[in-house]
Protein backbone atom coordinates (compact mmCIF):
# COMPACT_ATOMS: atom_id res chain seq x y z
CA MET A 1 0.00 0.00 0.00
CA THR A 2 1.26 3.46 -0.93
CA HIS A 3 0.93 6.76 0.85
CA THR A 4 2.76 9.62 -0.82
CA SER A 5 3.48 13.17 0.23
CA ASP A 6 1.17 16.14 -0.17
CA ILE A 7 0.28 17.59 -3.57
CA VAL A 8 1.34 20.75 -5.36
CA ARG A 9 -1.77 22.92 -5.53
CA PRO A 10 -2.52 25.35 -8.38
CA PRO A 11 -3.17 29.03 -7.62
CA LYS A 12 -6.60 29.60 -6.10
CA HIS A 13 -7.53 32.25 -8.68
CA LEU A 14 -7.35 29.61 -11.43
CA CYS A 15 -9.68 27.30 -9.50
CA GLU A 16 -12.12 30.13 -8.86
CA ALA A 17 -12.11 31.11 -12.54
CA LEU A 18 -12.68 27.51 -13.66
CA ALA A 19 -15.61 27.15 -11.26
CA ARG A 20 -17.22 30.18 -12.93
CA ILE A 21 -16.45 28.84 -16.41
CA GLY A 22 -18.03 25.46 -15.67
CA SER A 23 -17.42 21.91 -16.82
CA ALA A 24 -18.99 22.20 -20.30
CA THR A 25 -16.89 25.17 -21.41
CA ALA A 26 -13.79 23.72 -19.75
CA SER A 27 -14.27 20.43 -21.61
CA GLY A 28 -14.77 22.10 -24.96
CA THR A 29 -11.80 24.40 -24.44
CA LEU A 30 -9.51 21.50 -23.53
CA THR A 31 -10.06 19.99 -26.97
CA HIS A 32 -8.24 23.02 -28.40
CA PHE A 33 -5.18 21.90 -26.45
CA GLY A 34 -5.34 18.27 -27.54
CA ILE A 35 -7.27 16.80 -24.58
CA ARG A 36 -9.96 14.85 -26.39
CA ASP A 37 -12.18 13.65 -23.56
CA PRO A 38 -11.62 14.97 -20.00
CA HIS A 39 -15.10 13.96 -18.76
CA ILE A 40 -15.25 11.41 -15.94
CA ARG A 41 -18.34 9.36 -16.72
CA GLY A 42 -20.07 7.36 -14.02
CA PRO A 43 -20.14 9.73 -11.05
CA LEU A 44 -23.29 11.85 -11.27
CA PRO A 45 -24.20 15.04 -9.39
CA ARG A 46 -26.12 14.29 -6.20
CA THR A 47 -26.07 17.86 -4.84
CA PRO A 48 -27.92 19.91 -7.49
CA GLY A 49 -26.66 23.45 -7.99
CA LYS A 50 -23.18 22.78 -6.62
CA ALA A 51 -20.41 24.09 -8.88
CA ILE A 52 -16.83 23.65 -7.73
CA ALA A 53 -13.27 23.60 -9.01
CA GLY A 54 -10.32 22.54 -6.92
CA PRO A 55 -7.14 20.49 -6.80
CA ALA A 56 -7.48 16.72 -6.78
CA LEU A 57 -6.49 14.56 -3.85
CA THR A 58 -6.53 11.00 -5.16
CA LEU A 59 -7.42 7.65 -3.63
CA GLN A 60 -6.98 4.34 -5.41
CA MET A 61 -9.08 1.36 -4.35
CA MET A 62 -8.10 -2.17 -5.40
CA PRO A 63 -9.76 -5.60 -5.34
CA LYS A 64 -9.49 -6.89 -1.79
CA ARG A 65 -7.13 -9.74 -1.12
CA GLU A 66 -7.40 -11.00 2.42
CA ASP A 67 -3.70 -11.70 2.94
CA LEU A 68 -3.04 -8.01 2.32
CA TYR A 69 -6.09 -6.56 4.01
CA GLY A 70 -8.23 -8.44 6.49
CA ASP A 71 -9.19 -5.75 8.98
CA ASN A 72 -12.76 -4.97 9.96
CA GLU A 73 -14.37 -1.53 9.98
CA TYR A 74 -12.88 -0.47 13.32
CA GLY A 75 -9.62 -2.44 13.24
CA ASP A 76 -6.26 -0.70 12.91
CA VAL A 77 -7.73 2.55 11.63
CA GLU A 78 -4.40 4.00 10.51
CA LYS A 79 -4.10 1.18 7.99
CA GLN A 80 -7.26 2.49 6.37
CA LEU A 81 -5.84 4.75 3.68
CA HIS A 82 -9.21 6.24 2.85
CA ARG A 83 -8.69 8.22 6.06
CA HIS A 84 -5.24 9.36 5.00
CA VAL A 85 -6.40 11.06 1.83
CA LEU A 86 -8.60 13.25 4.04
CA TYR A 87 -5.69 14.12 6.33
CA HIS A 88 -4.17 16.08 3.44
CA ALA A 89 -7.30 18.16 2.87
CA GLN A 90 -7.11 21.93 2.63
CA SER A 91 -9.70 24.53 1.71
CA GLY A 92 -11.14 23.94 -1.77
CA ASP A 93 -9.72 20.44 -2.30
CA VAL A 94 -11.61 17.72 -4.17
CA VAL A 95 -11.12 14.04 -3.33
CA VAL A 96 -11.23 11.82 -6.41
CA VAL A 97 -11.58 8.06 -5.91
CA ASP A 98 -10.97 5.24 -8.32
CA ALA A 99 -13.45 2.80 -6.78
CA ARG A 100 -13.57 0.60 -9.89
CA GLY A 101 -17.26 1.34 -10.43
CA GLU A 102 -18.05 -0.93 -7.48
CA MET A 103 -21.59 -0.49 -6.15
CA SER A 104 -21.25 -2.58 -2.97
CA ALA A 105 -18.72 -0.44 -1.06
CA GLY A 106 -19.39 2.92 0.59
CA ILE A 107 -16.00 4.63 0.31
CA PHE A 108 -16.91 7.37 2.79
CA GLY A 109 -19.72 7.77 5.25
CA GLU A 110 -21.13 10.75 7.10
CA MET A 111 -18.35 10.94 9.71
CA MET A 112 -15.50 10.95 7.19
CA LEU A 113 -17.30 13.46 4.97
CA THR A 114 -18.03 15.67 8.00
CA TYR A 115 -14.31 15.70 8.78
CA PHE A 116 -13.47 16.55 5.16
CA LYS A 117 -16.00 19.38 5.14
CA GLY A 118 -14.55 20.68 8.40
CA ARG A 119 -11.13 20.80 6.77
CA GLY A 120 -12.53 22.99 4.00
CA GLY A 121 -13.06 20.29 1.39
CA ALA A 122 -15.19 21.31 -1.59
CA GLY A 123 -16.44 17.94 -2.81
CA VAL A 124 -15.83 14.31 -3.66
CA VAL A 125 -15.85 12.51 -7.00
CA ILE A 126 -16.19 8.75 -6.60
CA ASP A 127 -16.45 6.10 -9.29
CA GLY A 128 -18.46 4.13 -6.76
CA CYS A 129 -20.61 4.80 -3.71
CA ILE A 130 -20.88 6.51 -0.36
CA ARG A 131 -23.06 5.52 2.57
CA ASP A 132 -25.08 7.60 5.06
CA TYR A 133 -26.39 9.63 2.12
CA PRO A 134 -29.46 11.02 3.95
CA LYS A 135 -27.10 12.86 6.33
CA ALA A 136 -24.18 13.37 3.95
CA LYS A 137 -26.30 15.32 1.47
CA ASP A 138 -26.94 17.96 4.14
CA LEU A 139 -23.24 18.74 4.69
CA ASP A 140 -23.11 21.37 1.91
CA LEU A 141 -20.39 19.31 0.26
CA GLY A 142 -20.42 18.59 -3.47
CA LEU A 143 -21.13 14.91 -4.19
CA TRP A 144 -20.48 13.31 -7.58
CA ILE A 145 -20.96 9.58 -7.09
CA ARG A 146 -22.32 6.49 -8.83
CA GLY A 147 -24.74 5.70 -6.04
CA THR A 148 -25.24 4.80 -2.41
CA THR A 149 -24.96 1.67 -0.28
CA PRO A 150 -25.32 0.77 3.41
CA ASN A 151 -21.98 -1.11 3.30
CA PHE A 152 -18.72 0.32 4.63
CA HIS A 153 -15.67 0.74 2.43
CA THR A 154 -13.93 -2.65 2.93
CA GLN A 155 -16.99 -4.73 3.77
CA THR A 156 -17.14 -6.50 0.41
CA VAL A 157 -14.55 -6.54 -2.37
CA LEU A 158 -12.38 -3.40 -2.18
CA PHE A 159 -9.60 -2.01 -0.04
CA PRO A 160 -7.75 1.33 -0.13
CA PHE A 161 -4.37 0.89 -1.79
CA ALA A 162 -2.73 4.25 -2.53
CA VAL A 163 -3.11 7.94 -1.75
CA ASN A 164 -2.07 10.89 -3.94
CA VAL A 165 -0.85 8.80 -6.86
CA PRO A 166 -2.02 8.94 -10.49
CA ILE A 167 -5.35 7.14 -10.79
CA ALA A 168 -7.77 6.15 -13.54
CA CYS A 169 -11.22 7.32 -12.47
CA ASN A 170 -13.46 5.40 -14.87
CA ASN A 171 -10.64 5.38 -17.45
CA VAL A 172 -9.83 9.10 -17.13
CA LEU A 173 -6.34 9.86 -15.83
CA VAL A 174 -6.28 12.08 -12.74
CA MET A 175 -2.96 13.34 -11.44
CA PRO A 176 -2.73 14.68 -7.88
CA GLY A 177 -3.07 18.45 -8.15
CA ASP A 178 -5.06 18.44 -11.40
CA ILE A 179 -8.03 20.80 -11.20
CA ILE A 180 -11.40 19.09 -10.96
CA VAL A 181 -14.30 21.13 -12.39
CA ALA A 182 -17.64 19.69 -11.32
CA ASP A 183 -21.20 20.93 -11.63
CA ASP A 184 -24.61 19.71 -12.78
CA ASP A 185 -23.18 18.79 -16.21
CA GLY A 186 -20.64 16.43 -14.68
CA VAL A 187 -16.95 16.22 -13.83
CA VAL A 188 -14.02 17.39 -15.96
CA VAL A 189 -10.29 17.04 -15.29
CA VAL A 190 -8.19 20.08 -16.21
CA PRO A 191 -4.45 19.29 -16.25
CA ALA A 192 -2.75 21.76 -13.90
CA LYS A 193 -0.23 22.86 -16.53
CA LEU A 194 -3.04 23.80 -18.94
CA ALA A 195 -5.27 25.57 -16.43
CA GLU A 196 -4.08 29.11 -17.16
CA LYS A 197 -4.51 28.68 -20.93
CA VAL A 198 -7.96 27.16 -20.45
CA VAL A 199 -9.06 30.07 -18.25
CA GLU A 200 -7.76 32.66 -20.73
CA GLU A 201 -9.45 31.14 -23.77
CA ALA A 202 -12.65 30.12 -22.00
CA SER A 203 -13.13 33.57 -20.48
CA SER A 204 -13.03 35.15 -23.95
CA HIS A 205 -15.42 32.47 -25.21
CA ALA A 206 -17.84 33.10 -22.34
CA GLU A 207 -17.88 36.82 -23.07
CA TRP A 208 -18.91 36.53 -26.72
CA GLU A 209 -21.41 33.83 -25.71
CA ASP A 210 -23.08 36.37 -23.40
CA PHE A 211 -23.53 38.67 -26.39
CA SER A 212 -24.69 35.85 -28.65
CA ARG A 213 -27.15 34.64 -26.05
CA TYR A 214 -28.66 38.10 -25.85
CA MET A 215 -28.92 38.45 -29.62
CA LEU A 216 -30.49 35.00 -29.99
CA SER A 217 -33.03 35.86 -27.28
CA GLN A 218 -34.02 38.85 -29.40
CA GLY A 219 -34.59 36.68 -32.46
CA GLY A 220 -31.12 37.10 -33.96
CA ASP A 221 -29.88 34.81 -36.73
CA LEU A 222 -28.34 31.61 -35.32
CA ARG A 223 -26.04 31.41 -38.35
CA LYS A 224 -24.64 34.86 -37.56
CA TYR A 225 -24.43 34.80 -33.78
CA TYR A 226 -23.56 31.22 -32.83
CA PRO A 227 -20.74 30.79 -33.30
CA LEU A 228 -20.02 34.49 -33.65
CA ARG A 229 -19.31 35.34 -37.28
CA GLU A 230 -16.71 37.95 -38.23
CA ASP A 231 -19.37 40.29 -39.65
CA ALA A 232 -21.04 40.30 -36.19
CA ARG A 233 -17.90 41.40 -34.38
CA PRO A 234 -18.50 45.16 -34.75
CA GLU A 235 -21.85 44.67 -32.99
CA TYR A 236 -20.12 42.59 -30.33
CA GLU A 237 -17.46 45.24 -29.71
CA ALA A 238 -20.12 47.94 -29.43
CA TRP A 239 -22.11 45.78 -27.01
CA LYS A 240 -19.01 45.26 -24.85
CA LYS A 241 -18.62 49.04 -24.49
CA THR A 242 -22.24 49.40 -23.35
CA GLN A 243 -21.57 46.68 -20.76
CA GLY A 244 -18.39 48.34 -19.53
CA ARG A 245 -16.28 45.35 -20.54
């Protein structure tokens, strides 16, 4: 079992900007930089209206083999690496778990999630389940999960194997410190080294989309305003001045 050191976190202003941009625009913008499909399928939003972006803390679950892991729920708790990923938590962090799509294991329950929230955690993305959902959903913590179960994390077929290592969350690579953008559209992984470029391009995109949205709402020509044609740019520039942009 592996437990590595803490992560390198991106600047907070990049995370805040990506949260405003949202997962759909972030995903589309990443294609311009060669990232074909950054969407983590499987985990679905269970806290409607939550929109977050923050650095990834990673947890890798593996198929349980009893000679390596035979403890019960309240055995040697410090061997339970799902706790250790939470020990690293700082304000705005997002825990991402490769739980192998397993529906019989609740990776975290209310107590662990309460601790994570108390540390300033923003949300969890789990290719699997949590338990204690009726209470967990009231923690004001973003939850993107496959489902729920009454079982605890090692009760059936999984055990926690590594913390803050590269993981494959439903076949999408997540590196510790990557920025996770999650909202009602889903979860997108923004490589930390591309975050600044994504923010710059997506912010410009969002601005002309505001103009296009307005023009379309007034009956404007879809062919002219979405995407914005060059002959519509003078109107766009004039609109920006009226908006003080």
